[in-house]
């Protein structure tokens, strides 16, 4: 990500070029927390560095709960933009727009009015970034994505066209439940020349799997994995100084992480298709690419659960959460595992994991659905109903409707019973002959 943003090493920090490159490499590899710590240490030595302020802003974006710090550092970078050794104004505006957008997420806790003001300022910042750098794909894509989330589909596609046109079109159409058109958009993108073939293959695979075309979906995900592996094998060995070598290592780490995620996606698809042997092969490939990533442990837990080894499944999911407490799929899977009847059932802990997942991803229909099941098992019908309805609204046709269809009739039945039973009893008693009322309490 950082390399695509075109961050350059500031001239006045040439002696610390290796450290700057390490921060960028950590960001590129997805190690936002470590990148933030290293950048903070460097910023303490060079407090007037706008480039470090920019790096800190992007690093904070990858740390849950650090959106306010991201905004603060982005404003600092913007104040130093254009000065010797400082970032370009376009990059600073991009960082500010991304940070403000992150601060308006549902879990950030901003009041509605403040969130609206932040969104408006974020749009202005991204528009300024695009005006300053009209060919910058990161600025174009960020603006297009924010407009798409706001429902402004035409300007979203217009701004994203130079960056990720077909991928964004496929994602927007998929979100509109227009699966066939989304798949066509992904296929059209693959036929056009571009740098994003692997991403398009993964998008196409997910769309096809969601539509029930398992074989075609598996083939698309496998093709994406082959592209990622080929790209990693074609990478030339690092040359140049230590800063270049560190950046190259960061790129290799990012490629390995992407390959591991693709292996895990393919393994999960195979497991869902009832092919556990192929899923095990994918798990081996994921471990070879990046053994210490949460998706790899989560896939191992899925395989263990499918084999009936629930303790191993629980241990794998807990290991994934230990690596990344904000990894929502592992939290949801652990909540599902702990709500199952049996010796390992722990409804309280299951509810805690699912609530934690919803704090990170309040838009997760699966988490709402599983929480509804847990509340039903706890005989908390009203809470189950609200959880199920929330999940059903988020993802129409999902399993959340199952909990909704169970919880809502039960709640309605109890309401009718409490309201109508006393009236029916009084009407029944009043209809009895007087001689039958002796000894009855009305």
Protein backbone atom coordinates (compact mmCIF):
# COMPACT_ATOMS: atom_id res chain seq x y z
CA UNK A 1 0.00 0.00 0.00
CA UNK A 2 2.69 2.44 1.00
CA UNK A 3 4.75 1.67 -2.08
CA UNK A 4 1.70 2.30 -4.29
CA UNK A 5 1.20 5.64 -2.55
CA UNK A 6 4.63 6.68 -3.79
CA UNK A 7 6.10 7.68 -0.44
CA UNK A 8 9.65 8.90 -0.95
CA UNK A 9 12.50 8.96 1.52
CA UNK A 10 13.02 12.53 2.84
CA UNK A 11 16.42 13.95 2.03
CA UNK A 12 17.11 15.29 5.52
CA UNK A 13 16.68 11.77 6.96
CA UNK A 14 19.13 10.07 4.62
CA UNK A 15 21.09 8.64 7.54
CA UNK A 16 17.92 6.97 8.77
CA UNK A 17 16.89 5.74 5.32
CA UNK A 18 17.01 2.13 6.45
CA UNK A 19 14.60 2.83 9.32
CA UNK A 20 12.22 4.72 7.02
CA UNK A 21 12.31 1.80 4.59
CA UNK A 22 11.61 -0.61 7.43
CA UNK A 23 8.52 1.36 8.43
CA UNK A 24 7.31 1.33 4.83
CA UNK A 25 8.07 -2.39 4.55
CA UNK A 26 6.13 -3.16 7.72
CA UNK A 27 3.16 -1.19 6.41
CA UNK A 28 3.33 -3.00 3.07
CA UNK A 29 3.36 -6.33 4.91
CA UNK A 30 0.29 -5.38 6.96
CA UNK A 31 2.19 -4.99 10.24
CA UNK A 32 0.54 -1.69 11.15
CA UNK A 33 1.13 -1.92 14.91
CA UNK A 34 4.87 -2.54 14.56
CA UNK A 35 5.14 0.14 11.87
CA UNK A 36 3.40 2.61 14.16
CA UNK A 37 5.76 1.90 17.06
CA UNK A 38 8.86 2.30 14.90
CA UNK A 39 7.53 5.48 13.26
CA UNK A 40 6.71 6.94 16.69
CA UNK A 41 10.27 6.29 17.82
CA UNK A 42 11.64 7.99 14.71
CA UNK A 43 9.22 10.90 15.06
CA UNK A 44 10.53 11.48 18.57
CA UNK A 45 13.98 12.07 17.09
CA UNK A 46 12.72 14.11 14.11
CA UNK A 47 9.61 15.93 15.32
CA UNK A 48 9.46 18.22 12.29
CA UNK A 49 9.31 15.47 9.67
CA UNK A 50 6.15 15.66 7.60
CA UNK A 51 7.03 12.37 5.92
CA UNK A 52 7.02 10.59 9.28
CA UNK A 53 3.71 12.24 10.16
CA UNK A 54 2.34 10.83 6.92
CA UNK A 55 3.68 7.35 7.70
CA UNK A 56 2.21 7.55 11.20
CA UNK A 57 -1.18 8.46 9.79
CA UNK A 58 -1.23 5.46 7.46
CA UNK A 59 0.07 3.20 10.25
CA UNK A 60 -2.71 4.33 12.61
CA UNK A 61 -5.30 3.44 9.97
CA UNK A 62 -4.36 -0.22 10.44
CA UNK A 63 -4.70 -0.13 14.25
CA UNK A 64 -8.22 -0.50 15.72
CA UNK A 65 -9.25 2.52 17.78
CA UNK A 66 -6.46 4.77 16.47
CA UNK A 67 -8.48 6.75 13.92
CA UNK A 68 -8.21 9.98 15.95
CA UNK A 69 -4.41 9.66 15.96
CA UNK A 70 -4.52 9.03 12.21
CA UNK A 71 -6.43 12.28 11.69
CA UNK A 72 -4.04 14.21 13.95
CA UNK A 73 -0.93 12.95 12.14
CA UNK A 74 -2.52 13.58 8.73
CA UNK A 75 -3.24 17.19 9.70
CA UNK A 76 0.38 17.51 10.83
CA UNK A 77 1.61 16.14 7.50
CA UNK A 78 -0.67 18.54 5.62
CA UNK A 79 0.71 21.49 7.60
CA UNK A 80 4.24 20.51 6.56
CA UNK A 81 3.35 19.68 2.94
CA UNK A 82 5.47 21.36 0.31
CA UNK A 83 8.36 22.11 2.66
CA UNK A 84 11.84 20.63 2.05
CA UNK A 85 11.74 16.97 3.04
CA UNK A 86 7.98 17.12 3.50
CA UNK A 87 5.31 15.12 1.72
CA UNK A 88 3.42 16.34 -1.31
CA UNK A 89 0.13 18.09 -0.64
CA UNK A 90 -1.70 15.43 -2.66
CA UNK A 91 -0.41 12.63 -0.40
CA UNK A 92 -1.24 14.62 2.72
CA UNK A 93 -4.78 15.28 1.48
CA UNK A 94 -5.15 11.58 0.67
CA UNK A 95 -4.02 10.64 4.18
CA UNK A 96 -6.41 13.16 5.74
CA UNK A 97 -9.34 11.90 3.67
CA UNK A 98 -8.63 8.26 4.53
CA UNK A 99 -8.20 9.06 8.24
CA UNK A 100 -11.41 11.10 8.44
CA UNK A 101 -13.29 8.36 6.61
CA UNK A 102 -12.01 5.78 9.11
CA UNK A 103 -13.05 8.00 12.02
CA UNK A 104 -16.69 7.83 10.86
CA UNK A 105 -16.87 4.03 10.99
CA UNK A 106 -19.76 2.67 13.11
CA UNK A 107 -17.41 1.40 15.81
CA UNK A 108 -15.50 4.69 16.13
CA UNK A 109 -18.13 6.19 18.43
CA UNK A 110 -18.51 9.62 16.80
CA UNK A 111 -21.91 11.31 17.29
CA UNK A 112 -24.00 11.51 14.13
CA UNK A 113 -23.48 15.23 13.52
CA UNK A 114 -19.71 15.00 14.01
CA UNK A 115 -19.57 11.92 11.77
CA UNK A 116 -21.43 13.78 9.02
CA UNK A 117 -19.04 16.73 9.26
CA UNK A 118 -16.05 14.36 9.16
CA UNK A 119 -17.44 12.59 6.08
CA UNK A 120 -17.93 15.90 4.29
CA UNK A 121 -14.38 16.99 5.15
CA UNK A 122 -13.06 13.59 4.03
CA UNK A 123 -14.76 13.97 0.65
CA UNK A 124 -13.31 17.48 0.26
CA UNK A 125 -9.82 16.22 1.14
CA UNK A 126 -10.03 13.33 -1.34
CA UNK A 127 -11.39 15.63 -4.04
CA UNK A 128 -8.44 17.96 -3.38
CA UNK A 129 -6.04 15.01 -3.62
CA UNK A 130 -7.54 14.00 -6.98
CA UNK A 131 -7.38 17.60 -8.22
CA UNK A 132 -3.69 17.81 -7.27
CA UNK A 133 -2.81 14.36 -8.62
CA UNK A 134 -5.44 13.37 -11.21
CA UNK A 135 -3.47 10.25 -12.22
CA UNK A 136 -2.88 8.92 -8.69
CA UNK A 137 -4.70 5.55 -8.55
CA UNK A 138 -4.78 5.50 -4.74
CA UNK A 139 -6.52 8.90 -4.55
CA UNK A 140 -8.93 8.00 -7.35
CA UNK A 141 -9.79 4.66 -5.82
CA UNK A 142 -10.24 6.09 -2.30
CA UNK A 143 -12.59 8.79 -3.57
CA UNK A 144 -14.50 6.31 -5.73
CA UNK A 145 -14.86 3.86 -2.85
CA UNK A 146 -16.15 6.53 -0.47
CA UNK A 147 -18.66 7.72 -3.07
CA UNK A 148 -19.77 4.13 -3.65
CA UNK A 149 -20.35 3.62 0.07
CA UNK A 150 -22.46 6.80 0.06
CA UNK A 151 -24.58 5.44 -2.79
CA UNK A 152 -23.14 7.81 -5.41
CA UNK A 153 -22.49 5.04 -7.93
CA UNK A 154 -22.00 7.09 -11.10
CA UNK A 155 -19.29 9.44 -9.76
CA UNK A 156 -17.78 6.46 -7.92
CA UNK A 157 -17.29 4.53 -11.14
CA UNK A 158 -16.11 7.68 -12.91
CA UNK A 159 -13.35 8.37 -10.38
CA UNK A 160 -12.34 4.74 -9.93
CA UNK A 161 -12.15 3.98 -13.66
CA UNK A 162 -8.44 4.87 -14.00
CA UNK A 163 -7.62 2.78 -10.91
CA UNK A 164 -9.71 -0.37 -10.48
CA UNK A 165 -12.64 0.02 -12.88
CA UNK A 166 -13.86 -3.51 -13.35
CA UNK A 167 -13.12 -4.68 -9.82
CA UNK A 168 -15.06 -1.80 -8.31
CA UNK A 169 -17.90 -2.30 -10.79
CA UNK A 170 -18.06 -5.99 -9.86
CA UNK A 171 -18.09 -5.21 -6.14
CA UNK A 172 -20.79 -2.53 -6.51
CA UNK A 173 -22.99 -4.80 -8.62
CA UNK A 174 -22.46 -7.67 -6.19
CA UNK A 175 -23.54 -5.44 -3.29
CA UNK A 176 -26.71 -4.68 -5.29
CA UNK A 177 -27.44 -8.45 -5.50
CA UNK A 178 -26.83 -8.37 -9.26
CA UNK A 179 -24.56 -11.40 -9.31
CA UNK A 180 -24.66 -12.18 -13.03
CA UNK A 181 -23.71 -8.62 -14.02
CA UNK A 182 -21.01 -8.58 -11.32
CA UNK A 183 -19.49 -11.76 -12.74
CA UNK A 184 -19.63 -10.29 -16.26
CA UNK A 185 -17.83 -7.17 -15.03
CA UNK A 186 -15.07 -9.27 -13.45
CA UNK A 187 -14.68 -11.33 -16.63
CA UNK A 188 -14.52 -8.14 -18.72
CA UNK A 189 -11.83 -6.80 -16.42
CA UNK A 190 -9.78 -9.96 -16.88
CA UNK A 191 -9.96 -9.55 -20.65
CA UNK A 192 -8.65 -5.98 -20.43
CA UNK A 193 -4.94 -5.33 -19.75
CA UNK A 194 -4.15 -4.20 -16.22
CA UNK A 195 -2.32 -4.84 -12.96
CA UNK A 196 -5.26 -6.20 -11.01
CA UNK A 197 -5.89 -9.61 -12.55
CA UNK A 198 -5.36 -11.51 -9.28
CA UNK A 199 -7.80 -9.25 -7.43
CA UNK A 200 -10.39 -9.66 -10.20
CA UNK A 201 -9.99 -13.43 -10.10
CA UNK A 202 -10.62 -13.44 -6.35
CA UNK A 203 -13.67 -11.19 -6.74
CA UNK A 204 -14.99 -13.43 -9.53
CA UNK A 205 -14.41 -16.53 -7.41
CA UNK A 206 -16.37 -15.13 -4.48
CA UNK A 207 -19.26 -14.07 -6.72
CA UNK A 208 -19.47 -17.49 -8.39
CA UNK A 209 -19.29 -19.33 -5.07
CA UNK A 210 -22.03 -17.09 -3.67
CA UNK A 211 -24.16 -17.93 -6.71
CA UNK A 212 -23.66 -21.65 -6.10
CA UNK A 213 -21.37 -22.30 -9.08
CA UNK A 214 -18.82 -24.16 -6.97
CA UNK A 215 -16.56 -25.55 -9.69
CA UNK A 216 -16.23 -22.25 -11.56
CA UNK A 217 -15.68 -20.39 -8.27
CA UNK A 218 -12.94 -22.80 -7.23
CA UNK A 219 -11.29 -22.44 -10.62
CA UNK A 220 -11.32 -18.63 -10.34
CA UNK A 221 -9.80 -18.62 -6.85
CA UNK A 222 -7.19 -21.17 -7.94
CA UNK A 223 -6.31 -18.96 -10.91
CA UNK A 224 -5.85 -15.99 -8.56
CA UNK A 225 -3.53 -18.07 -6.41
CA UNK A 226 -1.50 -19.12 -9.45
CA UNK A 227 -1.12 -15.47 -10.46
CA UNK A 228 0.09 -14.51 -6.99
CA UNK A 229 2.58 -17.37 -6.96
CA UNK A 230 3.85 -16.46 -10.41
CA UNK A 231 4.24 -12.83 -9.43
CA UNK A 232 6.24 -13.83 -6.35
CA UNK A 233 8.48 -16.17 -8.34
CA UNK A 234 9.12 -13.52 -10.99
CA UNK A 235 10.25 -10.95 -8.44
CA UNK A 236 13.90 -10.14 -8.97
CA UNK A 237 16.33 -10.41 -6.06
CA UNK A 238 16.90 -7.28 -4.03
CA UNK A 239 19.66 -5.04 -5.25
CA UNK A 240 21.02 -1.70 -4.14
CA UNK A 241 21.42 -0.27 -0.67
CA UNK A 242 20.00 -1.47 2.62
CA UNK A 243 16.91 0.73 2.27
CA UNK A 244 16.08 -0.84 -1.09
CA UNK A 245 16.66 -4.31 0.34
CA UNK A 246 14.35 -3.62 3.28
CA UNK A 247 11.63 -2.36 0.95
CA UNK A 248 12.10 -5.45 -1.22
CA UNK A 249 11.73 -7.68 1.83
CA UNK A 250 8.53 -5.81 2.69
CA UNK A 251 7.18 -6.44 -0.81
CA UNK A 252 8.02 -10.13 -0.48
CA UNK A 253 6.22 -10.21 2.86
CA UNK A 254 3.16 -8.59 1.32
CA UNK A 255 3.21 -11.12 -1.55
CA UNK A 256 3.51 -14.01 0.93
CA UNK A 257 0.60 -12.68 2.97
CA UNK A 258 -1.57 -12.31 -0.14
CA UNK A 259 -0.67 -15.84 -1.25
CA UNK A 260 -1.52 -17.24 2.19
CA UNK A 261 -4.91 -15.50 2.14
CA UNK A 262 -5.60 -16.85 -1.35
CA UNK A 263 -4.66 -20.38 -0.21
CA UNK A 264 -7.05 -19.98 2.74
CA UNK A 265 -9.87 -18.74 0.51
CA UNK A 266 -9.38 -21.73 -1.78
CA UNK A 267 -9.22 -24.11 1.19
CA UNK A 268 -12.40 -22.69 2.69
CA UNK A 269 -14.15 -23.05 -0.67
CA UNK A 270 -13.02 -26.67 -0.96
CA UNK A 271 -14.19 -27.39 2.58
CA UNK A 272 -17.58 -25.84 1.84
CA UNK A 273 -17.81 -28.02 -1.27
CA UNK A 274 -17.22 -31.16 0.82
CA UNK A 275 -13.64 -31.76 -0.32
CA UNK A 276 -11.61 -31.81 2.93
CA UNK A 277 -8.56 -33.50 1.35
CA UNK A 278 -8.16 -30.63 -1.10
CA UNK A 279 -8.70 -28.18 1.77
CA UNK A 280 -5.86 -29.87 3.71
CA UNK A 281 -3.58 -29.45 0.69
CA UNK A 282 -4.47 -25.73 0.61
CA UNK A 283 -3.71 -25.46 4.33
CA UNK A 284 -0.22 -26.83 3.69
CA UNK A 285 0.27 -24.26 0.94
CA UNK A 286 -0.93 -21.44 3.20
CA UNK A 287 1.45 -22.52 5.97
CA UNK A 288 4.33 -22.62 3.51
CA UNK A 289 3.52 -19.06 2.38
CA UNK A 290 2.94 -17.49 5.81
CA UNK A 291 2.53 -19.81 8.78
CA UNK A 292 2.00 -17.01 11.31
CA UNK A 293 -1.13 -15.35 9.99
CA UNK A 294 -4.64 -15.50 11.52
CA UNK A 295 -6.37 -16.83 8.36
CA UNK A 296 -4.04 -19.84 8.32
CA UNK A 297 -4.88 -20.75 11.91
CA UNK A 298 -8.58 -20.16 11.23
CA UNK A 299 -8.53 -22.54 8.25
CA UNK A 300 -6.77 -25.17 10.37
CA UNK A 301 -9.51 -24.73 12.98
CA UNK A 302 -12.20 -25.19 10.30
CA UNK A 303 -10.61 -28.46 9.21
CA UNK A 304 -10.31 -29.66 12.81
CA UNK A 305 -13.98 -28.85 13.46
CA UNK A 306 -15.00 -30.69 10.28
CA UNK A 307 -13.06 -33.72 11.53
CA UNK A 308 -14.81 -33.55 14.92
CA UNK A 309 -11.74 -32.40 16.86
CA UNK A 310 -13.41 -29.51 18.68
CA UNK A 311 -10.57 -28.86 21.19
CA UNK A 312 -8.10 -28.43 18.32
CA UNK A 313 -10.56 -26.19 16.50
CA UNK A 314 -10.98 -24.02 19.57
CA UNK A 315 -7.21 -23.81 20.07
CA UNK A 316 -6.70 -22.76 16.45
CA UNK A 317 -9.30 -20.01 16.63
CA UNK A 318 -7.92 -18.74 19.94
CA UNK A 319 -4.43 -18.64 18.36
CA UNK A 320 -5.79 -16.61 15.44
CA UNK A 321 -7.38 -14.12 17.85
CA UNK A 322 -4.17 -13.96 19.89
CA UNK A 323 -2.35 -12.84 16.74
CA UNK A 324 -5.05 -10.33 15.79
CA UNK A 325 -7.82 -9.57 18.27
CA UNK A 326 -9.72 -7.71 15.53
CA UNK A 327 -9.85 -10.72 13.17
CA UNK A 328 -13.63 -10.98 12.96
CA UNK A 329 -13.96 -14.35 11.11
CA UNK A 330 -12.13 -16.14 13.93
CA UNK A 331 -14.25 -14.46 16.62
CA UNK A 332 -17.47 -15.41 14.82
CA UNK A 333 -16.31 -18.98 14.25
CA UNK A 334 -15.30 -19.31 17.91
CA UNK A 335 -18.68 -17.97 19.01
CA UNK A 336 -20.41 -20.51 16.76
CA UNK A 337 -18.25 -23.31 18.15
CA UNK A 338 -18.90 -22.39 21.77
CA UNK A 339 -22.68 -22.23 21.32
CA UNK A 340 -22.91 -25.80 20.03
CA UNK A 341 -24.48 -28.26 22.53
CA UNK A 342 -21.98 -30.48 24.27
CA UNK A 343 -19.33 -30.52 26.94
CA UNK A 344 -17.52 -27.53 25.44
CA UNK A 345 -20.61 -25.31 25.31
CA UNK A 346 -20.10 -21.91 26.92
CA UNK A 347 -22.87 -19.50 25.95
CA UNK A 348 -21.49 -16.61 28.01
CA UNK A 349 -18.07 -16.80 26.35
CA UNK A 350 -19.69 -17.29 22.93
CA UNK A 351 -21.73 -14.11 23.42
CA UNK A 352 -18.60 -12.23 24.51
CA UNK A 353 -16.66 -13.24 21.38
CA UNK A 354 -19.57 -12.34 19.10
CA UNK A 355 -20.06 -8.98 20.83
CA UNK A 356 -16.34 -8.30 20.34
CA UNK A 357 -16.66 -9.15 16.65
CA UNK A 358 -19.56 -6.71 16.33
CA UNK A 359 -17.54 -3.95 17.97
CA UNK A 360 -14.99 -4.32 15.19
CA UNK A 361 -17.46 -5.08 12.38
CA UNK A 362 -20.96 -3.86 13.30
CA UNK A 363 -22.00 -4.63 9.71
CA UNK A 364 -21.29 -8.38 10.06
CA UNK A 365 -24.55 -10.19 9.37
CA UNK A 366 -22.97 -13.52 10.34
CA UNK A 367 -22.03 -12.20 13.79
CA UNK A 368 -25.56 -10.85 14.34
CA UNK A 369 -27.01 -14.19 13.25
CA UNK A 370 -24.79 -16.23 15.57
CA UNK A 371 -25.50 -13.85 18.46
CA UNK A 372 -29.21 -14.40 17.83
CA UNK A 373 -28.70 -18.16 18.13
CA UNK A 374 -26.78 -17.68 21.39
CA UNK A 375 -29.50 -15.46 22.86
CA UNK A 376 -32.12 -18.05 21.92
CA UNK A 377 -30.10 -20.76 23.66
CA UNK A 378 -29.93 -18.47 26.71
CA UNK A 379 -33.75 -18.08 26.51
CA UNK A 380 -33.39 -14.32 25.99
CA UNK A 381 -36.05 -14.14 23.29
CA UNK A 382 -36.23 -10.35 22.91
CA UNK A 383 -32.44 -10.04 22.52
CA UNK A 384 -32.47 -12.94 20.05
CA UNK A 385 -35.17 -11.23 18.02
CA UNK A 386 -33.28 -7.93 17.82
CA UNK A 387 -30.02 -9.69 16.88
CA UNK A 388 -31.70 -11.78 14.21
CA UNK A 389 -33.53 -8.84 12.69
CA UNK A 390 -30.30 -6.82 12.62
CA UNK A 391 -28.52 -9.60 10.79
CA UNK A 392 -31.38 -10.13 8.38
CA UNK A 393 -31.44 -6.46 7.46
CA UNK A 394 -27.71 -6.56 6.77
CA UNK A 395 -27.72 -9.66 4.62
CA UNK A 396 -31.07 -10.60 3.13
CA UNK A 397 -31.47 -14.31 2.62
CA UNK A 398 -28.69 -15.24 5.05
CA UNK A 399 -28.97 -17.66 7.97
CA UNK A 400 -29.95 -14.71 10.13
CA UNK A 401 -33.46 -15.24 8.79
CA UNK A 402 -33.49 -18.67 10.41
CA UNK A 403 -32.97 -17.16 13.85
CA UNK A 404 -35.46 -14.41 12.96
CA UNK A 405 -38.11 -16.94 11.91
CA UNK A 406 -37.63 -18.79 15.17
CA UNK A 407 -37.36 -15.84 17.54
CA UNK A 408 -40.14 -13.64 16.16
CA UNK A 409 -42.96 -16.26 16.34
CA UNK A 410 -41.93 -17.22 19.87
CA UNK A 411 -41.97 -13.59 21.01
CA UNK A 412 -45.31 -12.93 19.28
CA UNK A 413 -46.83 -16.08 20.80
CA UNK A 414 -45.85 -14.98 24.31
CA UNK A 415 -47.22 -11.48 23.74
CA UNK A 416 -50.54 -12.87 22.50
CA UNK A 417 -50.70 -15.29 25.41
CA UNK A 418 -50.09 -12.57 28.01
CA UNK A 419 -52.64 -10.22 26.41
CA UNK A 420 -55.40 -12.60 25.36
CA UNK A 421 -55.32 -15.32 28.02
CA UNK A 422 -56.87 -13.26 30.88
CA UNK A 423 -59.62 -11.98 28.57
CA UNK A 424 -60.41 -15.47 27.25
CA UNK A 425 -60.51 -16.88 30.77
CA UNK A 426 -62.96 -14.21 31.92
CA UNK A 427 -65.21 -14.80 28.89
CA UNK A 428 -65.16 -18.53 29.50
CA UNK A 429 -66.05 -18.20 33.17
CA UNK A 430 -68.85 -15.70 32.49
CA UNK A 431 -70.43 -18.14 30.03
CA UNK A 432 -70.72 -20.94 32.62
CA UNK A 433 -74.06 -21.58 34.36
CA UNK A 434 -74.36 -20.22 37.88
CA UNK A 435 -74.34 -23.68 39.48
CA UNK A 436 -70.94 -24.41 37.90
CA UNK A 437 -69.42 -21.22 39.27
CA UNK A 438 -69.66 -22.34 42.87
CA UNK A 439 -66.22 -22.83 44.33
CA UNK A 440 -64.41 -21.12 41.40
CA UNK A 441 -62.32 -18.02 41.82
CA UNK A 442 -62.81 -15.48 39.08
